[in-house]
Amino acid sequence: MTELAAVLWDMDGTLLDSEVLWDEAVYELSERLGRRLTPAVRETTLGNSMDGVLRKLFAYCDVEPTQQAFDESATWLRTRVGEMFDQGLPWRPGAKDLLAAVRASGLRAALVTNTERELTEKALETLGREYFDATVCGDEVRAGKPSPEPYIRAAQLLGLEPEHCLAIEDSPTGTHAAEEAGCAVLVVPSTVPVVARPGVLVIESLVGLDVPALQRTHTHAMG
């Protein structure tokens, strides 16, 4: 039997209810680029890295993807989201209690996010650095989610194989990354539906979940 040794946490939309802040900033940036963003296009950017978000926005707004355009838009988006992060970050229901329970249980834990290190450091003021043995950010890997690289890197930092890890996600992008890395995946969708399948369990909320439930989820997924 493959035993659970670590929980790999996504951040935006999973631990923190911060996708709404990204929503506001991405919609604003699209306006600045010359075209009002549709909900359908915004949905395709959920859980993406900075590079992924900007490439989709540029294509939608018919903006030439020059290095200067990328740098200017990335700086604007980073600054805007950072301002909102500084105003306070709300937790997703049940996330804070489960994060503390995982730490108390002795399981290892890592934060695995497409958000860049600069913004992640702001979020860690709310989350608590003491809850994580490792953190992997979107600008610290060659390819962010949906590539499996962030989850593979997190497992490596913990000295584990991915099959001994349970990833907790909220988006199709992150779910695909964790699945491809070889992790069991527990999904609590925040905005976009995720389809359950072998290895991927979808639930409505983290409220009331405990560590034994995570262990059962991992065992079932890796069964």
C-alpha atoms as a PDB file:
ATOM      1  CA  MET A   1       0.000   0.000   0.000  1.00  0.00           C
ATOM      2  CA  THR A   2       1.234   3.493  -0.871  1.00  0.00           C
ATOM      3  CA  GLU A   3       1.001   5.520   2.335  1.00  0.00           C
ATOM      4  CA  LEU A   4       0.262   9.217   2.540  1.00  0.00           C
ATOM      5  CA  ALA A   5       3.328  11.158   3.658  1.00  0.00           C
ATOM      6  CA  ALA A   6       2.590  14.728   2.589  1.00  0.00           C
ATOM      7  CA  VAL A   7      -0.114  17.167   1.557  1.00  0.00           C
ATOM      8  CA  LEU A   8       0.653  19.546  -1.307  1.00  0.00           C
ATOM      9  CA  TRP A   9      -1.529  22.636  -1.096  1.00  0.00           C
ATOM     10  CA  ASP A  10      -2.561  24.920  -3.915  1.00  0.00           C
ATOM     11  CA  MET A  11      -3.022  28.510  -2.703  1.00  0.00           C
ATOM     12  CA  ASP A  12      -5.376  30.759  -4.710  1.00  0.00           C
ATOM     13  CA  GLY A  13      -8.910  29.408  -4.553  1.00  0.00           C
ATOM     14  CA  THR A  14      -7.935  26.447  -2.355  1.00  0.00           C
ATOM     15  CA  LEU A  15      -6.470  27.832   0.861  1.00  0.00           C
ATOM     16  CA  LEU A  16      -7.303  31.471   0.226  1.00  0.00           C
ATOM     17  CA  ASP A  17     -10.367  32.992  -1.394  1.00  0.00           C
ATOM     18  CA  SER A  18      -8.084  35.090  -3.581  1.00  0.00           C
ATOM     19  CA  GLU A  19      -9.309  34.144  -7.051  1.00  0.00           C
ATOM     20  CA  VAL A  20     -11.856  36.961  -6.712  1.00  0.00           C
ATOM     21  CA  LEU A  21      -8.956  39.400  -6.336  1.00  0.00           C
ATOM     22  CA  TRP A  22      -7.203  37.998  -9.383  1.00  0.00           C
ATOM     23  CA  ASP A  23     -10.539  38.256 -11.210  1.00  0.00           C
ATOM     24  CA  GLU A  24     -10.751  41.966 -10.531  1.00  0.00           C
ATOM     25  CA  ALA A  25      -7.160  42.610 -11.565  1.00  0.00           C
ATOM     26  CA  VAL A  26      -7.301  40.516 -14.748  1.00  0.00           C
ATOM     27  CA  TYR A  27     -10.526  42.190 -15.853  1.00  0.00           C
ATOM     28  CA  GLU A  28      -8.929  45.597 -15.239  1.00  0.00           C
ATOM     29  CA  LEU A  29      -5.807  44.645 -17.189  1.00  0.00           C
ATOM     30  CA  SER A  30      -7.879  43.459 -20.135  1.00  0.00           C
ATOM     31  CA  GLU A  31      -9.597  46.865 -20.214  1.00  0.00           C
ATOM     32  CA  ARG A  32      -6.176  48.540 -20.196  1.00  0.00           C
ATOM     33  CA  LEU A  33      -5.158  46.342 -23.128  1.00  0.00           C
ATOM     34  CA  GLY A  34      -8.178  47.550 -25.080  1.00  0.00           C
ATOM     35  CA  ARG A  35     -10.890  44.921 -24.800  1.00  0.00           C
ATOM     36  CA  ARG A  36     -13.483  43.986 -22.198  1.00  0.00           C
ATOM     37  CA  LEU A  37     -12.816  40.454 -20.951  1.00  0.00           C
ATOM     38  CA  THR A  38     -15.582  37.863 -21.149  1.00  0.00           C
ATOM     39  CA  PRO A  39     -16.208  35.415 -18.296  1.00  0.00           C
ATOM     40  CA  ALA A  40     -15.477  32.535 -20.680  1.00  0.00           C
ATOM     41  CA  VAL A  41     -11.991  33.826 -21.496  1.00  0.00           C
ATOM     42  CA  ARG A  42     -11.289  34.646 -17.852  1.00  0.00           C
ATOM     43  CA  GLU A  43     -12.233  31.063 -17.007  1.00  0.00           C
ATOM     44  CA  THR A  44      -9.467  29.772 -19.291  1.00  0.00           C
ATOM     45  CA  THR A  45      -6.883  31.766 -17.310  1.00  0.00           C
ATOM     46  CA  LEU A  46      -7.831  30.412 -13.870  1.00  0.00           C
ATOM     47  CA  GLY A  47      -4.902  28.753 -12.131  1.00  0.00           C
ATOM     48  CA  ASN A  48      -2.481  29.799 -14.884  1.00  0.00           C
ATOM     49  CA  SER A  49       1.007  31.160 -14.368  1.00  0.00           C
ATOM     50  CA  MET A  50       1.704  34.844 -15.021  1.00  0.00           C
ATOM     51  CA  ASP A  51       3.033  33.915 -18.454  1.00  0.00           C
ATOM     52  CA  GLY A  52      -0.041  31.822 -19.217  1.00  0.00           C
ATOM     53  CA  VAL A  53      -2.473  34.542 -18.156  1.00  0.00           C
ATOM     54  CA  LEU A  54      -0.719  37.227 -20.203  1.00  0.00           C
ATOM     55  CA  ARG A  55      -0.410  35.097 -23.338  1.00  0.00           C
ATOM     56  CA  LYS A  56      -4.152  34.435 -23.301  1.00  0.00           C
ATOM     57  CA  LEU A  57      -4.960  38.086 -22.627  1.00  0.00           C
ATOM     58  CA  PHE A  58      -2.676  39.294 -25.393  1.00  0.00           C
ATOM     59  CA  ALA A  59      -4.220  36.868 -27.875  1.00  0.00           C
ATOM     60  CA  TYR A  60      -7.728  37.927 -26.843  1.00  0.00           C
ATOM     61  CA  CYS A  61      -6.908  41.654 -26.975  1.00  0.00           C
ATOM     62  CA  ASP A  62      -4.826  41.326 -30.167  1.00  0.00           C
ATOM     63  CA  VAL A  63      -1.728  42.707 -28.444  1.00  0.00           C
ATOM     64  CA  GLU A  64       1.666  41.794 -29.898  1.00  0.00           C
ATOM     65  CA  PRO A  65       3.398  39.616 -27.282  1.00  0.00           C
ATOM     66  CA  THR A  66       6.677  41.538 -27.167  1.00  0.00           C
ATOM     67  CA  GLN A  67       8.993  41.304 -24.190  1.00  0.00           C
ATOM     68  CA  GLN A  68       8.214  44.919 -23.348  1.00  0.00           C
ATOM     69  CA  ALA A  69       4.475  44.219 -23.383  1.00  0.00           C
ATOM     70  CA  PHE A  70       4.966  41.202 -21.127  1.00  0.00           C
ATOM     71  CA  ASP A  71       7.170  43.121 -18.706  1.00  0.00           C
ATOM     72  CA  GLU A  72       4.821  46.109 -18.481  1.00  0.00           C
ATOM     73  CA  SER A  73       1.681  44.014 -18.041  1.00  0.00           C
ATOM     74  CA  ALA A  74       3.312  41.670 -15.538  1.00  0.00           C
ATOM     75  CA  THR A  75       4.513  44.614 -13.459  1.00  0.00           C
ATOM     76  CA  TRP A  76       1.064  46.208 -13.521  1.00  0.00           C
ATOM     77  CA  LEU A  77      -0.721  42.967 -12.589  1.00  0.00           C
ATOM     78  CA  ARG A  78       1.790  42.126  -9.862  1.00  0.00           C
ATOM     79  CA  THR A  79       1.424  45.584  -8.340  1.00  0.00           C
ATOM     80  CA  ARG A  80      -2.378  45.618  -8.523  1.00  0.00           C
ATOM     81  CA  VAL A  81      -2.789  42.168  -6.966  1.00  0.00           C
ATOM     82  CA  GLY A  82      -0.159  43.006  -4.359  1.00  0.00           C
ATOM     83  CA  GLU A  83      -2.167  46.060  -3.287  1.00  0.00           C
ATOM     84  CA  MET A  84      -5.232  43.890  -2.795  1.00  0.00           C
ATOM     85  CA  PHE A  85      -3.257  41.188  -0.975  1.00  0.00           C
ATOM     86  CA  ASP A  86      -2.008  43.865   1.430  1.00  0.00           C
ATOM     87  CA  GLN A  87      -5.600  44.745   2.314  1.00  0.00           C
ATOM     88  CA  GLY A  88      -6.211  41.256   3.686  1.00  0.00           C
ATOM     89  CA  LEU A  89      -6.798  37.775   2.363  1.00  0.00           C
ATOM     90  CA  PRO A  90      -9.869  35.708   3.323  1.00  0.00           C
ATOM     91  CA  TRP A  91      -9.569  31.974   3.905  1.00  0.00           C
ATOM     92  CA  ARG A  92     -11.572  29.402   1.983  1.00  0.00           C
ATOM     93  CA  PRO A  93     -14.079  27.580   4.246  1.00  0.00           C
ATOM     94  CA  GLY A  94     -12.438  24.872   6.326  1.00  0.00           C
ATOM     95  CA  ALA A  95      -8.958  25.497   4.944  1.00  0.00           C
ATOM     96  CA  LYS A  96      -7.368  27.053   8.013  1.00  0.00           C
ATOM     97  CA  ASP A  97      -8.485  24.242  10.339  1.00  0.00           C
ATOM     98  CA  LEU A  98      -7.382  21.507   7.958  1.00  0.00           C
ATOM     99  CA  LEU A  99      -4.009  23.155   7.343  1.00  0.00           C
ATOM    100  CA  ALA A 100      -3.398  23.218  11.102  1.00  0.00           C
ATOM    101  CA  ALA A 101      -4.572  19.614  11.476  1.00  0.00           C
ATOM    102  CA  VAL A 102      -2.142  18.426   8.790  1.00  0.00           C
ATOM    103  CA  ARG A 103       0.723  20.167  10.572  1.00  0.00           C
ATOM    104  CA  ALA A 104      -0.277  18.729  13.945  1.00  0.00           C
ATOM    105  CA  SER A 105      -0.511  15.207  12.505  1.00  0.00           C
ATOM    106  CA  GLY A 106       3.146  15.072  11.537  1.00  0.00           C
ATOM    107  CA  LEU A 107       2.497  14.848   7.805  1.00  0.00           C
ATOM    108  CA  ARG A 108       4.821  16.934   5.639  1.00  0.00           C
ATOM    109  CA  ALA A 109       3.320  19.844   3.730  1.00  0.00           C
ATOM    110  CA  ALA A 110       4.232  22.069   0.801  1.00  0.00           C
ATOM    111  CA  LEU A 111       2.634  25.082  -0.842  1.00  0.00           C
ATOM    112  CA  VAL A 112       2.509  24.686  -4.634  1.00  0.00           C
ATOM    113  CA  THR A 113       1.281  27.772  -6.462  1.00  0.00           C
ATOM    114  CA  ASN A 114       1.505  29.427  -9.868  1.00  0.00           C
ATOM    115  CA  THR A 115       1.606  32.767  -8.069  1.00  0.00           C
ATOM    116  CA  GLU A 116       5.028  34.392  -8.137  1.00  0.00           C
ATOM    117  CA  ARG A 117       7.280  34.450  -5.065  1.00  0.00           C
ATOM    118  CA  GLU A 118       6.806  38.188  -4.450  1.00  0.00           C
ATOM    119  CA  LEU A 119       3.036  37.824  -4.036  1.00  0.00           C
ATOM    120  CA  THR A 120       3.266  34.436  -2.317  1.00  0.00           C
ATOM    121  CA  GLU A 121       5.391  36.000   0.412  1.00  0.00           C
ATOM    122  CA  LYS A 122       2.580  38.463   1.073  1.00  0.00           C
ATOM    123  CA  ALA A 123       0.066  35.610   1.236  1.00  0.00           C
ATOM    124  CA  LEU A 124       2.274  33.664   3.644  1.00  0.00           C
ATOM    125  CA  GLU A 125       1.735  36.447   6.176  1.00  0.00           C
ATOM    126  CA  THR A 126      -1.872  35.233   6.313  1.00  0.00           C
ATOM    127  CA  LEU A 127      -1.243  31.518   5.810  1.00  0.00           C
ATOM    128  CA  GLY A 128       1.659  31.121   8.232  1.00  0.00           C
ATOM    129  CA  ARG A 129       5.062  29.966   7.003  1.00  0.00           C
ATOM    130  CA  GLU A 130       5.279  27.495   9.860  1.00  0.00           C
ATOM    131  CA  TYR A 131       2.685  25.265   8.210  1.00  0.00           C
ATOM    132  CA  PHE A 132       4.895  24.415   5.220  1.00  0.00           C
ATOM    133  CA  ASP A 133       8.105  22.440   4.882  1.00  0.00           C
ATOM    134  CA  ALA A 134       8.589  23.769   1.351  1.00  0.00           C
ATOM    135  CA  THR A 135       7.060  26.279  -1.062  1.00  0.00           C
ATOM    136  CA  VAL A 136       7.159  26.234  -4.861  1.00  0.00           C
ATOM    137  CA  CYS A 137       6.123  29.357  -6.780  1.00  0.00           C
ATOM    138  CA  GLY A 138       5.289  29.940 -10.431  1.00  0.00           C
ATOM    139  CA  ASP A 139       8.460  31.899 -11.181  1.00  0.00           C
ATOM    140  CA  GLU A 140      10.698  29.206  -9.657  1.00  0.00           C
ATOM    141  CA  VAL A 141      10.028  26.477 -12.227  1.00  0.00           C
ATOM    142  CA  ARG A 142      10.541  26.322 -15.986  1.00  0.00           C
ATOM    143  CA  ALA A 143       6.847  25.667 -16.586  1.00  0.00           C
ATOM    144  CA  GLY A 144       3.980  26.352 -14.202  1.00  0.00           C
ATOM    145  CA  LYS A 145       0.705  24.477 -13.914  1.00  0.00           C
ATOM    146  CA  PRO A 146      -0.787  22.769 -15.959  1.00  0.00           C
ATOM    147  CA  SER A 147       2.734  21.369 -16.302  1.00  0.00           C
ATOM    148  CA  PRO A 148       3.413  18.767 -13.587  1.00  0.00           C
ATOM    149  CA  GLU A 149       6.777  20.390 -12.825  1.00  0.00           C
ATOM    150  CA  PRO A 150       5.653  22.398  -9.750  1.00  0.00           C
ATOM    151  CA  TYR A 151       4.259  19.281  -8.056  1.00  0.00           C
ATOM    152  CA  ILE A 152       7.237  17.140  -9.007  1.00  0.00           C
ATOM    153  CA  ARG A 153       9.520  19.832  -7.591  1.00  0.00           C
ATOM    154  CA  ALA A 154       7.545  20.019  -4.340  1.00  0.00           C
ATOM    155  CA  ALA A 155       7.756  16.260  -3.826  1.00  0.00           C
ATOM    156  CA  GLN A 156      11.503  16.392  -4.480  1.00  0.00           C
ATOM    157  CA  LEU A 157      11.966  19.156  -1.908  1.00  0.00           C
ATOM    158  CA  LEU A 158      10.173  16.963   0.632  1.00  0.00           C
ATOM    159  CA  GLY A 159      12.297  13.954  -0.299  1.00  0.00           C
ATOM    160  CA  LEU A 160       9.254  12.013  -1.486  1.00  0.00           C
ATOM    161  CA  GLU A 161       7.829  10.397  -4.590  1.00  0.00           C
ATOM    162  CA  PRO A 162       4.618  12.060  -5.868  1.00  0.00           C
ATOM    163  CA  GLU A 163       2.546   8.930  -5.227  1.00  0.00           C
ATOM    164  CA  HIS A 164       3.062   9.469  -1.490  1.00  0.00           C
ATOM    165  CA  CYS A 165       1.500  12.942  -1.768  1.00  0.00           C
ATOM    166  CA  LEU A 166      -2.073  14.208  -1.831  1.00  0.00           C
ATOM    167  CA  ALA A 167      -2.539  17.455  -3.755  1.00  0.00           C
ATOM    168  CA  ILE A 168      -5.449  19.698  -2.775  1.00  0.00           C
ATOM    169  CA  GLU A 169      -6.618  21.854  -5.670  1.00  0.00           C
ATOM    170  CA  ASP A 170      -9.511  23.966  -6.917  1.00  0.00           C
ATOM    171  CA  SER A 171      -9.032  24.359 -10.683  1.00  0.00           C
ATOM    172  CA  PRO A 172      -8.811  22.159 -13.783  1.00  0.00           C
ATOM    173  CA  THR A 173      -5.351  23.613 -14.462  1.00  0.00           C
ATOM    174  CA  GLY A 174      -3.957  22.659 -11.077  1.00  0.00           C
ATOM    175  CA  THR A 175      -5.729  19.322 -11.023  1.00  0.00           C
ATOM    176  CA  HIS A 176      -4.153  18.369 -14.341  1.00  0.00           C
ATOM    177  CA  ALA A 177      -0.700  19.354 -13.062  1.00  0.00           C
ATOM    178  CA  ALA A 178      -0.995  17.280  -9.893  1.00  0.00           C
ATOM    179  CA  GLU A 179      -2.500  14.325 -11.734  1.00  0.00           C
ATOM    180  CA  GLU A 180       0.266  14.312 -14.344  1.00  0.00           C
ATOM    181  CA  ALA A 181       2.878  14.488 -11.586  1.00  0.00           C
ATOM    182  CA  GLY A 182       1.507  11.245 -10.125  1.00  0.00           C
ATOM    183  CA  CYS A 183      -0.190  12.655  -7.020  1.00  0.00           C
ATOM    184  CA  ALA A 184      -3.584  11.696  -5.708  1.00  0.00           C
ATOM    185  CA  VAL A 185      -5.811  14.767  -6.025  1.00  0.00           C
ATOM    186  CA  LEU A 186      -8.577  16.163  -3.835  1.00  0.00           C
ATOM    187  CA  VAL A 187     -10.475  18.994  -5.531  1.00  0.00           C
ATOM    188  CA  VAL A 188     -12.713  21.635  -4.003  1.00  0.00           C
ATOM    189  CA  PRO A 189     -13.763  23.708  -7.041  1.00  0.00           C
ATOM    190  CA  SER A 190     -13.822  27.455  -6.402  1.00  0.00           C
ATOM    191  CA  THR A 191     -15.043  28.854  -9.734  1.00  0.00           C
ATOM    192  CA  VAL A 192     -14.796  26.279 -12.508  1.00  0.00           C
ATOM    193  CA  PRO A 193     -16.205  22.728 -12.243  1.00  0.00           C
ATOM    194  CA  VAL A 194     -13.756  19.825 -12.161  1.00  0.00           C
ATOM    195  CA  VAL A 195     -14.780  16.337 -13.263  1.00  0.00           C
ATOM    196  CA  ALA A 196     -14.122  13.482 -10.843  1.00  0.00           C
ATOM    197  CA  ARG A 197     -12.219  10.505 -12.253  1.00  0.00           C
ATOM    198  CA  PRO A 198      -9.904   7.746 -11.013  1.00  0.00           C
ATOM    199  CA  GLY A 199      -7.262   9.407  -8.853  1.00  0.00           C
ATOM    200  CA  VAL A 200      -9.258  12.657  -8.581  1.00  0.00           C
ATOM    201  CA  LEU A 201     -11.904  13.103  -5.876  1.00  0.00           C
ATOM    202  CA  VAL A 202     -14.153  16.185  -6.056  1.00  0.00           C
ATOM    203  CA  ILE A 203     -15.912  17.499  -2.950  1.00  0.00           C
ATOM    204  CA  GLU A 204     -17.885  20.644  -2.155  1.00  0.00           C
ATOM    205  CA  SER A 205     -15.942  21.963   0.837  1.00  0.00           C
ATOM    206  CA  LEU A 206     -13.026  21.362   3.186  1.00  0.00           C
ATOM    207  CA  VAL A 207     -15.273  22.086   6.169  1.00  0.00           C
ATOM    208  CA  GLY A 208     -15.266  19.189   8.620  1.00  0.00           C
ATOM    209  CA  LEU A 209     -12.464  17.290   6.866  1.00  0.00           C
ATOM    210  CA  ASP A 210      -9.745  15.773   9.031  1.00  0.00           C
ATOM    211  CA  VAL A 211      -6.451  13.979   8.463  1.00  0.00           C
ATOM    212  CA  PRO A 212      -7.942  10.453   8.531  1.00  0.00           C
ATOM    213  CA  ALA A 213     -10.283  11.582   5.728  1.00  0.00           C
ATOM    214  CA  LEU A 214      -7.277  12.763   3.714  1.00  0.00           C
ATOM    215  CA  GLN A 215      -5.560   9.435   4.307  1.00  0.00           C
ATOM    216  CA  ARG A 216      -8.642   7.561   3.094  1.00  0.00           C
ATOM    217  CA  THR A 217      -8.845   9.803   0.035  1.00  0.00           C
ATOM    218  CA  HIS A 218      -5.214   9.092  -0.799  1.00  0.00           C
ATOM    219  CA  THR A 219      -5.640   5.335  -0.328  1.00  0.00           C
ATOM    220  CA  HIS A 220      -8.742   5.277  -2.528  1.00  0.00           C
ATOM    221  CA  ALA A 221      -7.117   7.404  -5.234  1.00  0.00           C
ATOM    222  CA  MET A 222      -3.955   5.317  -5.362  1.00  0.00           C
ATOM    223  CA  GLY A 223      -5.955   2.062  -4.993  1.00  0.00           C
END
